[in-house]
Amino acid sequence: MSIKETFSINGENLLKKIKDLIAEGNVRKITIADKHNKEIISFPVTIGVVGIVLAPIFAAVGTLAAILTECKITVERTETAAEESSSSVSADSAEPHHQTDEPQSPLY
């Protein structure tokens, strides 16, 4: 399952934001669009991507940052295991558990 987020950002902060998003690690795909929602570039971000592979993408994003005054970044993220487990409730957790301070007598 994936989650999509959209950020509005000005061109001078575009490259920094892209690098920050990639560093977060749970990003699957990044799409950059102009202020009129026209898609300019879209690229997948895979696990284990190294700097040499990202260098051409950063160069392209840097060029776009110089041209665009305002743009939108759409980020497709993978849902983490913690988010998945919180979204689905198990039958055990639906029933309340009661604890008492009273000592329990042993059964003979």
PDB file of N, CA and C in Angstrom:
ATOM      1  N   MET A   1       0.841  -1.170   0.000  1.00  0.00           N
ATOM      2  CA  MET A   1       0.000   0.000   0.000  1.00  0.00           C
ATOM      3  C   MET A   1       0.888   1.235   0.000  1.00  0.00           C
ATOM      4  N   SER A   2       0.454   2.293  -0.669  1.00  0.00           N
ATOM      5  CA  SER A   2       1.265   3.497  -0.729  1.00  0.00           C
ATOM      6  C   SER A   2       0.442   4.718  -0.332  1.00  0.00           C
ATOM      7  N   ILE A   3       1.162   5.744   0.063  1.00  0.00           N
ATOM      8  CA  ILE A   3       0.565   6.999   0.488  1.00  0.00           C
ATOM      9  C   ILE A   3       1.138   8.086  -0.410  1.00  0.00           C
ATOM     10  N   LYS A   4       0.306   9.031  -0.861  1.00  0.00           N
ATOM     11  CA  LYS A   4       0.784  10.131  -1.689  1.00  0.00           C
ATOM     12  C   LYS A   4       0.678  11.435  -0.907  1.00  0.00           C
ATOM     13  N   GLU A   5       1.750  12.232  -0.977  1.00  0.00           N
ATOM     14  CA  GLU A   5       1.782  13.550  -0.368  1.00  0.00           C
ATOM     15  C   GLU A   5       2.191  14.547  -1.437  1.00  0.00           C
ATOM     16  N   THR A   6       1.665  15.769  -1.346  1.00  0.00           N
ATOM     17  CA  THR A   6       2.036  16.820  -2.279  1.00  0.00           C
ATOM     18  C   THR A   6       2.540  18.024  -1.511  1.00  0.00           C
ATOM     19  N   PHE A   7       3.657  18.572  -1.969  1.00  0.00           N
ATOM     20  CA  PHE A   7       4.262  19.745  -1.363  1.00  0.00           C
ATOM     21  C   PHE A   7       4.338  20.847  -2.409  1.00  0.00           C
ATOM     22  N   SER A   8       3.989  22.065  -2.029  1.00  0.00           N
ATOM     23  CA  SER A   8       4.223  23.225  -2.886  1.00  0.00           C
ATOM     24  C   SER A   8       5.511  23.868  -2.403  1.00  0.00           C
ATOM     25  N   ILE A   9       6.394  24.161  -3.341  1.00  0.00           N
ATOM     26  CA  ILE A   9       7.712  24.645  -2.964  1.00  0.00           C
ATOM     27  C   ILE A   9       8.222  25.589  -4.047  1.00  0.00           C
ATOM     28  N   ASN A  10       9.083  26.534  -3.663  1.00  0.00           N
ATOM     29  CA  ASN A  10       9.656  27.411  -4.679  1.00  0.00           C
ATOM     30  C   ASN A  10      10.909  26.761  -5.249  1.00  0.00           C
ATOM     31  N   GLY A  11      11.318  27.219  -6.411  1.00  0.00           N
ATOM     32  CA  GLY A  11      12.408  26.591  -7.155  1.00  0.00           C
ATOM     33  C   GLY A  11      13.728  26.518  -6.416  1.00  0.00           C
ATOM     34  N   GLU A  12      14.056  27.538  -5.627  1.00  0.00           N
ATOM     35  CA  GLU A  12      15.356  27.558  -4.968  1.00  0.00           C
ATOM     36  C   GLU A  12      15.494  26.495  -3.880  1.00  0.00           C
ATOM     37  N   ASN A  13      14.389  25.994  -3.343  1.00  0.00           N
ATOM     38  CA  ASN A  13      14.427  24.952  -2.316  1.00  0.00           C
ATOM     39  C   ASN A  13      14.146  23.561  -2.865  1.00  0.00           C
ATOM     40  N   LEU A  14      13.949  23.462  -4.167  1.00  0.00           N
ATOM     41  CA  LEU A  14      13.550  22.195  -4.793  1.00  0.00           C
ATOM     42  C   LEU A  14      14.584  21.094  -4.610  1.00  0.00           C
ATOM     43  N   LEU A  15      15.827  21.349  -4.931  1.00  0.00           N
ATOM     44  CA  LEU A  15      16.860  20.318  -4.849  1.00  0.00           C
ATOM     45  C   LEU A  15      17.071  19.845  -3.413  1.00  0.00           C
ATOM     46  N   LYS A  16      17.073  20.769  -2.466  1.00  0.00           N
ATOM     47  CA  LYS A  16      17.241  20.397  -1.055  1.00  0.00           C
ATOM     48  C   LYS A  16      16.087  19.506  -0.593  1.00  0.00           C
ATOM     49  N   LYS A  17      14.868  19.846  -0.979  1.00  0.00           N
ATOM     50  CA  LYS A  17      13.697  19.054  -0.580  1.00  0.00           C
ATOM     51  C   LYS A  17      13.760  17.649  -1.184  1.00  0.00           C
ATOM     52  N   ILE A  18      14.177  17.544  -2.439  1.00  0.00           N
ATOM     53  CA  ILE A  18      14.290  16.226  -3.088  1.00  0.00           C
ATOM     54  C   ILE A  18      15.322  15.372  -2.354  1.00  0.00           C
ATOM     55  N   LYS A  19      16.468  15.953  -2.028  1.00  0.00           N
ATOM     56  CA  LYS A  19      17.502  15.213  -1.301  1.00  0.00           C
ATOM     57  C   LYS A  19      17.010  14.776   0.075  1.00  0.00           C
ATOM     58  N   ASP A  20      16.277  15.651   0.763  1.00  0.00           N
ATOM     59  CA  ASP A  20      15.726  15.301   2.079  1.00  0.00           C
ATOM     60  C   ASP A  20      14.726  14.154   1.974  1.00  0.00           C
ATOM     61  N   LEU A  21      13.878  14.190   0.963  1.00  0.00           N
ATOM     62  CA  LEU A  21      12.879  13.134   0.770  1.00  0.00           C
ATOM     63  C   LEU A  21      13.545  11.794   0.492  1.00  0.00           C
ATOM     64  N   ILE A  22      14.569  11.792  -0.336  1.00  0.00           N
ATOM     65  CA  ILE A  22      15.275  10.547  -0.659  1.00  0.00           C
ATOM     66  C   ILE A  22      15.977  10.003   0.581  1.00  0.00           C
ATOM     67  N   ALA A  23      16.522  10.900   1.399  1.00  0.00           N
ATOM     68  CA  ALA A  23      17.222  10.485   2.615  1.00  0.00           C
ATOM     69  C   ALA A  23      16.273   9.834   3.626  1.00  0.00           C
ATOM     70  N   GLU A  24      14.983  10.163   3.590  1.00  0.00           N
ATOM     71  CA  GLU A  24      14.010   9.567   4.510  1.00  0.00           C
ATOM     72  C   GLU A  24      13.888   8.058   4.310  1.00  0.00           C
ATOM     73  N   GLY A  25      14.070   7.593   3.101  1.00  0.00           N
ATOM     74  CA  GLY A  25      14.149   6.160   2.856  1.00  0.00           C
ATOM     75  C   GLY A  25      12.868   5.440   2.506  1.00  0.00           C
ATOM     76  N   ASN A  26      11.695   5.967   2.795  1.00  0.00           N
ATOM     77  CA  ASN A  26      10.462   5.239   2.484  1.00  0.00           C
ATOM     78  C   ASN A  26       9.757   5.802   1.258  1.00  0.00           C
ATOM     79  N   VAL A  27      10.493   6.516   0.414  1.00  0.00           N
ATOM     80  CA  VAL A  27       9.929   7.118  -0.792  1.00  0.00           C
ATOM     81  C   VAL A  27      10.053   6.137  -1.955  1.00  0.00           C
ATOM     82  N   ARG A  28       8.969   5.927  -2.653  1.00  0.00           N
ATOM     83  CA  ARG A  28       8.944   5.009  -3.794  1.00  0.00           C
ATOM     84  C   ARG A  28       9.075   5.760  -5.118  1.00  0.00           C
ATOM     85  N   LYS A  29       8.418   6.929  -5.240  1.00  0.00           N
ATOM     86  CA  LYS A  29       8.414   7.664  -6.495  1.00  0.00           C
ATOM     87  C   LYS A  29       8.253   9.155  -6.201  1.00  0.00           C
ATOM     88  N   ILE A  30       8.934   9.995  -6.984  1.00  0.00           N
ATOM     89  CA  ILE A  30       8.825  11.445  -6.847  1.00  0.00           C
ATOM     90  C   ILE A  30       8.427  12.017  -8.198  1.00  0.00           C
ATOM     91  N   THR A  31       7.439  12.906  -8.183  1.00  0.00           N
ATOM     92  CA  THR A  31       6.980  13.574  -9.392  1.00  0.00           C
ATOM     93  C   THR A  31       7.040  15.082  -9.153  1.00  0.00           C
ATOM     94  N   ILE A  32       7.597  15.809 -10.109  1.00  0.00           N
ATOM     95  CA  ILE A  32       7.668  17.266 -10.025  1.00  0.00           C
ATOM     96  C   ILE A  32       6.775  17.833 -11.120  1.00  0.00           C
ATOM     97  N   ALA A  33       5.897  18.750 -10.718  1.00  0.00           N
ATOM     98  CA  ALA A  33       4.980  19.393 -11.650  1.00  0.00           C
ATOM     99  C   ALA A  33       5.088  20.908 -11.491  1.00  0.00           C
ATOM    100  N   ASP A  34       4.703  21.641 -12.542  1.00  0.00           N
ATOM    101  CA  ASP A  34       4.718  23.097 -12.428  1.00  0.00           C
ATOM    102  C   ASP A  34       3.488  23.564 -11.656  1.00  0.00           C
ATOM    103  N   LYS A  35       3.353  24.875 -11.493  1.00  0.00           N
ATOM    104  CA  LYS A  35       2.249  25.403 -10.692  1.00  0.00           C
ATOM    105  C   LYS A  35       0.884  25.170 -11.337  1.00  0.00           C
ATOM    106  N   HIS A  36       0.873  24.776 -12.611  1.00  0.00           N
ATOM    107  CA  HIS A  36      -0.382  24.462 -13.305  1.00  0.00           C
ATOM    108  C   HIS A  36      -0.648  22.960 -13.333  1.00  0.00           C
ATOM    109  N   ASN A  37       0.062  22.205 -12.504  1.00  0.00           N
ATOM    110  CA  ASN A  37      -0.059  20.745 -12.376  1.00  0.00           C
ATOM    111  C   ASN A  37       0.365  19.976 -13.624  1.00  0.00           C
ATOM    112  N   LYS A  38       1.181  20.574 -14.470  1.00  0.00           N
ATOM    113  CA  LYS A  38       1.718  19.873 -15.632  1.00  0.00           C
ATOM    114  C   LYS A  38       2.975  19.127 -15.184  1.00  0.00           C
ATOM    115  N   GLU A  39       2.954  17.789 -15.341  1.00  0.00           N
ATOM    116  CA  GLU A  39       4.083  16.965 -14.906  1.00  0.00           C
ATOM    117  C   GLU A  39       5.322  17.275 -15.734  1.00  0.00           C
ATOM    118  N   ILE A  40       6.425  17.551 -15.028  1.00  0.00           N
ATOM    119  CA  ILE A  40       7.677  17.878 -15.702  1.00  0.00           C
ATOM    120  C   ILE A  40       8.629  16.693 -15.685  1.00  0.00           C
ATOM    121  N   ILE A  41       8.785  16.078 -14.518  1.00  0.00           N
ATOM    122  CA  ILE A  41       9.669  14.927 -14.386  1.00  0.00           C
ATOM    123  C   ILE A  41       9.107  14.000 -13.316  1.00  0.00           C
ATOM    124  N   SER A  42       9.294  12.718 -13.520  1.00  0.00           N
ATOM    125  CA  SER A  42       8.872  11.707 -12.559  1.00  0.00           C
ATOM    126  C   SER A  42       9.946  10.627 -12.545  1.00  0.00           C
ATOM    127  N   PHE A  43      10.368  10.241 -11.352  1.00  0.00           N
ATOM    128  CA  PHE A  43      11.392   9.208 -11.278  1.00  0.00           C
ATOM    129  C   PHE A  43      11.170   8.313 -10.069  1.00  0.00           C
ATOM    130  N   PRO A  44      11.446   7.022 -10.238  1.00  0.00           N
ATOM    131  CA  PRO A  44      11.316   6.087  -9.120  1.00  0.00           C
ATOM    132  C   PRO A  44      12.531   6.190  -8.206  1.00  0.00           C
ATOM    133  N   VAL A  45      12.321   5.943  -6.941  1.00  0.00           N
ATOM    134  CA  VAL A  45      13.414   5.897  -5.971  1.00  0.00           C
ATOM    135  C   VAL A  45      13.405   4.491  -5.393  1.00  0.00           C
ATOM    136  N   THR A  46      14.456   3.726  -5.675  1.00  0.00           N
ATOM    137  CA  THR A  46      14.510   2.349  -5.212  1.00  0.00           C
ATOM    138  C   THR A  46      15.417   2.230  -4.001  1.00  0.00           C
ATOM    139  N   ILE A  47      15.219   1.178  -3.252  1.00  0.00           N
ATOM    140  CA  ILE A  47      16.044   0.905  -2.081  1.00  0.00           C
ATOM    141  C   ILE A  47      17.466   0.601  -2.542  1.00  0.00           C
ATOM    142  N   GLY A  48      18.431   1.180  -1.874  1.00  0.00           N
ATOM    143  CA  GLY A  48      19.822   0.918  -2.185  1.00  0.00           C
ATOM    144  C   GLY A  48      20.381   1.763  -3.316  1.00  0.00           C
ATOM    145  N   VAL A  49      19.693   2.839  -3.663  1.00  0.00           N
ATOM    146  CA  VAL A  49      20.182   3.710  -4.733  1.00  0.00           C
ATOM    147  C   VAL A  49      21.403   4.471  -4.223  1.00  0.00           C
ATOM    148  N   VAL A  50      22.451   4.492  -5.022  1.00  0.00           N
ATOM    149  CA  VAL A  50      23.682   5.181  -4.630  1.00  0.00           C
ATOM    150  C   VAL A  50      23.779   6.524  -5.335  1.00  0.00           C
ATOM    151  N   GLY A  51      24.695   7.376  -4.852  1.00  0.00           N
ATOM    152  CA  GLY A  51      24.848   8.724  -5.368  1.00  0.00           C
ATOM    153  C   GLY A  51      25.138   8.814  -6.856  1.00  0.00           C
ATOM    154  N   ILE A  52      25.889   7.863  -7.403  1.00  0.00           N
ATOM    155  CA  ILE A  52      26.233   7.897  -8.825  1.00  0.00           C
ATOM    156  C   ILE A  52      24.979   7.763  -9.682  1.00  0.00           C
ATOM    157  N   VAL A  53      24.042   6.939  -9.249  1.00  0.00           N
ATOM    158  CA  VAL A  53      22.795   6.754  -9.992  1.00  0.00           C
ATOM    159  C   VAL A  53      21.936   8.009  -9.894  1.00  0.00           C
ATOM    160  N   LEU A  54      21.946   8.669  -8.722  1.00  0.00           N
ATOM    161  CA  LEU A  54      21.113   9.846  -8.520  1.00  0.00           C
ATOM    162  C   LEU A  54      21.719  11.123  -9.100  1.00  0.00           C
ATOM    163  N   ALA A  55      23.003  11.131  -9.429  1.00  0.00           N
ATOM    164  CA  ALA A  55      23.661  12.336  -9.922  1.00  0.00           C
ATOM    165  C   ALA A  55      22.957  12.951 -11.140  1.00  0.00           C
ATOM    166  N   PRO A  56      22.595  12.172 -12.165  1.00  0.00           N
ATOM    167  CA  PRO A  56      21.879  12.785 -13.300  1.00  0.00           C
ATOM    168  C   PRO A  56      20.513  13.356 -12.905  1.00  0.00           C
ATOM    169  N   ILE A  57      19.843  12.688 -11.968  1.00  0.00           N
ATOM    170  CA  ILE A  57      18.542  13.180 -11.510  1.00  0.00           C
ATOM    171  C   ILE A  57      18.722  14.497 -10.770  1.00  0.00           C
ATOM    172  N   PHE A  58      19.748  14.577  -9.894  1.00  0.00           N
ATOM    173  CA  PHE A  58      20.005  15.815  -9.172  1.00  0.00           C
ATOM    174  C   PHE A  58      20.375  16.941 -10.136  1.00  0.00           C
ATOM    175  N   ALA A  59      21.105  16.632 -11.190  1.00  0.00           N
ATOM    176  CA  ALA A  59      21.455  17.642 -12.193  1.00  0.00           C
ATOM    177  C   ALA A  59      20.202  18.170 -12.890  1.00  0.00           C
ATOM    178  N   ALA A  60      19.297  17.261 -13.240  1.00  0.00           N
ATOM    179  CA  ALA A  60      18.043  17.664 -13.890  1.00  0.00           C
ATOM    180  C   ALA A  60      17.186  18.493 -12.939  1.00  0.00           C
ATOM    181  N   VAL A  61      17.100  18.081 -11.677  1.00  0.00           N
ATOM    182  CA  VAL A  61      16.308  18.813 -10.694  1.00  0.00           C
ATOM    183  C   VAL A  61      16.922  20.189 -10.450  1.00  0.00           C
ATOM    184  N   GLY A  62      18.255  20.273 -10.422  1.00  0.00           N
ATOM    185  CA  GLY A  62      18.921  21.556 -10.261  1.00  0.00           C
ATOM    186  C   GLY A  62      18.613  22.507 -11.400  1.00  0.00           C
ATOM    187  N   THR A  63      18.567  21.984 -12.622  1.00  0.00           N
ATOM    188  CA  THR A  63      18.207  22.790 -13.789  1.00  0.00           C
ATOM    189  C   THR A  63      16.765  23.271 -13.691  1.00  0.00           C
ATOM    190  N   LEU A  64      15.882  22.368 -13.275  1.00  0.00           N
ATOM    191  CA  LEU A  64      14.477  22.757 -13.096  1.00  0.00           C
ATOM    192  C   LEU A  64      14.331  23.834 -12.029  1.00  0.00           C
ATOM    193  N   ALA A  65      15.108  23.716 -10.960  1.00  0.00           N
ATOM    194  CA  ALA A  65      15.042  24.691  -9.865  1.00  0.00           C
ATOM    195  C   ALA A  65      15.399  26.080 -10.366  1.00  0.00           C
ATOM    196  N   ALA A  66      16.326  26.162 -11.315  1.00  0.00           N
ATOM    197  CA  ALA A  66      16.722  27.453 -11.865  1.00  0.00           C
ATOM    198  C   ALA A  66      15.634  28.039 -12.762  1.00  0.00           C
ATOM    199  N   ILE A  67      14.848  27.179 -13.386  1.00  0.00           N
ATOM    200  CA  ILE A  67      13.811  27.625 -14.322  1.00  0.00           C
ATOM    201  C   ILE A  67      12.486  27.924 -13.621  1.00  0.00           C
ATOM    202  N   LEU A  68      12.091  27.049 -12.700  1.00  0.00           N
ATOM    203  CA  LEU A  68      10.782  27.164 -12.060  1.00  0.00           C
ATOM    204  C   LEU A  68      10.822  28.127 -10.883  1.00  0.00           C
ATOM    205  N   THR A  69       9.796  28.934 -10.776  1.00  0.00           N
ATOM    206  CA  THR A  69       9.678  29.785  -9.595  1.00  0.00           C
ATOM    207  C   THR A  69       8.839  29.105  -8.525  1.00  0.00           C
ATOM    208  N   GLU A  70       7.880  28.323  -8.966  1.00  0.00           N
ATOM    209  CA  GLU A  70       6.987  27.634  -8.043  1.00  0.00           C
ATOM    210  C   GLU A  70       6.637  26.279  -8.642  1.00  0.00           C
ATOM    211  N   CYS A  71       6.646  25.236  -7.811  1.00  0.00           N
ATOM    212  CA  CYS A  71       6.327  23.910  -8.329  1.00  0.00           C
ATOM    213  C   CYS A  71       5.693  23.064  -7.235  1.00  0.00           C
ATOM    214  N   LYS A  72       5.243  21.887  -7.628  1.00  0.00           N
ATOM    215  CA  LYS A  72       4.641  20.941  -6.692  1.00  0.00           C
ATOM    216  C   LYS A  72       5.396  19.626  -6.783  1.00  0.00           C
ATOM    217  N   ILE A  73       5.671  19.047  -5.633  1.00  0.00           N
ATOM    218  CA  ILE A  73       6.318  17.739  -5.563  1.00  0.00           C
ATOM    219  C   ILE A  73       5.289  16.758  -5.034  1.00  0.00           C
ATOM    220  N   THR A  74       5.058  15.681  -5.755  1.00  0.00           N
ATOM    221  CA  THR A  74       4.191  14.612  -5.273  1.00  0.00           C
ATOM    222  C   THR A  74       5.078  13.430  -4.936  1.00  0.00           C
ATOM    223  N   VAL A  75       4.928  12.950  -3.706  1.00  0.00           N
ATOM    224  CA  VAL A  75       5.768  11.871  -3.204  1.00  0.00           C
ATOM    225  C   VAL A  75       4.888  10.661  -2.931  1.00  0.00           C
ATOM    226  N   GLU A  76       5.259   9.529  -3.499  1.00  0.00           N
ATOM    227  CA  GLU A  76       4.570   8.271  -3.221  1.00  0.00           C
ATOM    228  C   GLU A  76       5.439   7.496  -2.252  1.00  0.00           C
ATOM    229  N   ARG A  77       4.901   7.225  -1.075  1.00  0.00           N
ATOM    230  CA  ARG A  77       5.649   6.543  -0.023  1.00  0.00           C
ATOM    231  C   ARG A  77       5.097   5.142   0.189  1.00  0.00           C
ATOM    232  N   THR A  78       5.958   4.265   0.647  1.00  0.00           N
ATOM    233  CA  THR A  78       5.505   2.947   1.063  1.00  0.00           C
ATOM    234  C   THR A  78       5.047   3.062   2.500  1.00  0.00           C
ATOM    235  N   GLU A  79       3.973   2.382   2.823  1.00  0.00           N
ATOM    236  CA  GLU A  79       3.460   2.399   4.184  1.00  0.00           C
ATOM    237  C   GLU A  79       4.335   1.494   5.036  1.00  0.00           C
ATOM    238  N   THR A  80       4.804   2.001   6.176  1.00  0.00           N
ATOM    239  CA  THR A  80       5.669   1.209   7.041  1.00  0.00           C
ATOM    240  C   THR A  80       4.860   0.173   7.802  1.00  0.00           C
ATOM    241  N   ALA A  81       5.542  -0.807   8.379  1.00  0.00           N
ATOM    242  CA  ALA A  81       4.870  -1.885   9.109  1.00  0.00           C
ATOM    243  C   ALA A  81       4.088  -1.347  10.290  1.00  0.00           C
ATOM    244  N   ALA A  82       4.596  -0.330  10.973  1.00  0.00           N
ATOM    245  CA  ALA A  82       3.900   0.250  12.120  1.00  0.00           C
ATOM    246  C   ALA A  82       2.596   0.909  11.688  1.00  0.00           C
ATOM    247  N   GLU A  83       2.610   1.586  10.535  1.00  0.00           N
ATOM    248  CA  GLU A  83       1.399   2.215  10.036  1.00  0.00           C
ATOM    249  C   GLU A  83       0.378   1.172   9.601  1.00  0.00           C
ATOM    250  N   GLU A  84       0.851   0.076   8.995  1.00  0.00           N
ATOM    251  CA  GLU A  84      -0.050  -0.984   8.562  1.00  0.00           C
ATOM    252  C   GLU A  84      -0.721  -1.651   9.748  1.00  0.00           C
ATOM    253  N   SER A  85       0.046  -1.923  10.819  1.00  0.00           N
ATOM    254  CA  SER A  85      -0.535  -2.604  11.968  1.00  0.00           C
ATOM    255  C   SER A  85      -1.497  -1.707  12.716  1.00  0.00           C
ATOM    256  N   SER A  86      -1.279  -0.402  12.724  1.00  0.00           N
ATOM    257  CA  SER A  86      -2.193   0.491  13.413  1.00  0.00           C
ATOM    258  C   SER A  86      -3.483   0.681  12.630  1.00  0.00           C
ATOM    259  N   SER A  87      -3.432   0.489  11.308  1.00  0.00           N
ATOM    260  CA  SER A  87      -4.632   0.657  10.505  1.00  0.00           C
ATOM    261  C   SER A  87      -5.531  -0.579  10.554  1.00  0.00           C
ATOM    262  N   SER A  88      -4.982  -1.735  10.884  1.00  0.00           N
ATOM    263  CA  SER A  88      -5.811  -2.924  11.001  1.00  0.00           C
ATOM    264  C   SER A  88      -5.846  -3.363  12.460  1.00  0.00           C
ATOM    265  N   VAL A  89      -7.049  -3.515  12.988  1.00  0.00           N
ATOM    266  CA  VAL A  89      -7.223  -3.879  14.391  1.00  0.00           C
ATOM    267  C   VAL A  89      -7.487  -5.372  14.478  1.00  0.00           C
ATOM    268  N   SER A  90      -6.726  -6.047  15.320  1.00  0.00           N
ATOM    269  CA  SER A  90      -6.935  -7.485  15.483  1.00  0.00           C
ATOM    270  C   SER A  90      -8.072  -7.743  16.463  1.00  0.00           C
ATOM    271  N   ALA A  91      -8.597  -8.950  16.453  1.00  0.00           N
ATOM    272  CA  ALA A  91      -9.708  -9.303  17.341  1.00  0.00           C
ATOM    273  C   ALA A  91      -9.271  -9.269  18.797  1.00  0.00           C
ATOM    274  N   ASP A  92      -8.037  -9.624  19.091  1.00  0.00           N
ATOM    275  CA  ASP A  92      -7.553  -9.611  20.473  1.00  0.00           C
ATOM    276  C   ASP A  92      -7.523  -8.211  21.047  1.00  0.00           C
ATOM    277  N   SER A  93      -7.138  -7.241  20.264  1.00  0.00           N
ATOM    278  CA  SER A  93      -7.027  -5.889  20.780  1.00  0.00           C
ATOM    279  C   SER A  93      -8.383  -5.208  20.898  1.00  0.00           C
ATOM    280  N   ALA A  94      -9.427  -5.788  20.297  1.00  0.00           N
ATOM    281  CA  ALA A  94     -10.758  -5.201  20.387  1.00  0.00           C
ATOM    282  C   ALA A  94     -11.369  -5.414  21.763  1.00  0.00           C
ATOM    283  N   GLU A  95     -10.967  -6.473  22.455  1.00  0.00           N
ATOM    284  CA  GLU A  95     -11.500  -6.736  23.788  1.00  0.00           C
ATOM    285  C   GLU A  95     -10.618  -6.072  24.828  1.00  0.00           C
ATOM    286  N   PRO A  96     -11.225  -5.355  25.789  1.00  0.00           N
ATOM    287  CA  PRO A  96     -10.418  -4.707  26.821  1.00  0.00           C
ATOM    288  C   PRO A  96      -9.826  -5.735  27.771  1.00  0.00           C
ATOM    289  N   HIS A  97      -8.632  -5.469  28.249  1.00  0.00           N
ATOM    290  CA  HIS A  97      -7.968  -6.321  29.216  1.00  0.00           C
ATOM    291  C   HIS A  97      -8.005  -5.614  30.557  1.00  0.00           C
ATOM    292  N   HIS A  98      -8.415  -6.331  31.600  1.00  0.00           N
ATOM    293  CA  HIS A  98      -8.514  -5.744  32.923  1.00  0.00           C
ATOM    294  C   HIS A  98      -7.433  -6.316  33.815  1.00  0.00           C
ATOM    295  N   GLN A  99      -6.806  -5.424  34.580  1.00  0.00           N
ATOM    296  CA  GLN A  99      -5.839  -5.859  35.562  1.00  0.00           C
ATOM    297  C   GLN A  99      -6.319  -5.392  36.923  1.00  0.00           C
ATOM    298  N   THR A 100      -6.183  -6.255  37.922  1.00  0.00           N
ATOM    299  CA  THR A 100      -6.543  -5.868  39.278  1.00  0.00           C
ATOM    300  C   THR A 100      -5.341  -6.017  40.170  1.00  0.00           C
ATOM    301  N   ASP A 101      -5.352  -5.268  41.259  1.00  0.00           N
ATOM    302  CA  ASP A 101      -4.264  -5.332  42.221  1.00  0.00           C
ATOM    303  C   ASP A 101      -4.522  -6.409  43.282  1.00  0.00           C
ATOM    304  N   GLU A 102      -5.698  -7.034  43.245  1.00  0.00           N
ATOM    305  CA  GLU A 102      -6.033  -8.045  44.246  1.00  0.00           C
ATOM    306  C   GLU A 102      -5.226  -9.317  43.991  1.00  0.00           C
ATOM    307  N   PRO A 103      -4.684  -9.896  45.051  1.00  0.00           N
ATOM    308  CA  PRO A 103      -3.951 -11.152  44.865  1.00  0.00           C
ATOM    309  C   PRO A 103      -4.909 -12.281  44.481  1.00  0.00           C
ATOM    310  N   GLN A 104      -4.484 -13.123  43.624  1.00  0.00           N
ATOM    311  CA  GLN A 104      -5.307 -14.252  43.216  1.00  0.00           C
ATOM    312  C   GLN A 104      -4.958 -15.455  44.071  1.00  0.00           C
ATOM    313  N   SER A 105      -5.982 -16.143  44.525  1.00  0.00           N
ATOM    314  CA  SER A 105      -5.740 -17.325  45.340  1.00  0.00           C
ATOM    315  C   SER A 105      -5.432 -18.506  44.440  1.00  0.00           C
ATOM    316  N   PRO A 106      -4.472 -19.311  44.842  1.00  0.00           N
ATOM    317  CA  PRO A 106      -4.144 -20.479  44.007  1.00  0.00           C
ATOM    318  C   PRO A 106      -5.257 -21.507  44.031  1.00  0.00           C
ATOM    319  N   LEU A 107      -5.419 -22.181  42.948  1.00  0.00           N
ATOM    320  CA  LEU A 107      -6.422 -23.246  42.861  1.00  0.00           C
ATOM    321  C   LEU A 107      -5.787 -24.561  43.255  1.00  0.00           C
ATOM    322  N   TYR A 108      -6.423 -25.257  44.215  1.00  0.00           N
ATOM    323  CA  TYR A 108      -5.908 -26.553  44.663  1.00  0.00           C
ATOM    324  C   TYR A 108      -6.680 -27.670  44.079  1.00  0.00           C
TER     325      TYR A 108
END
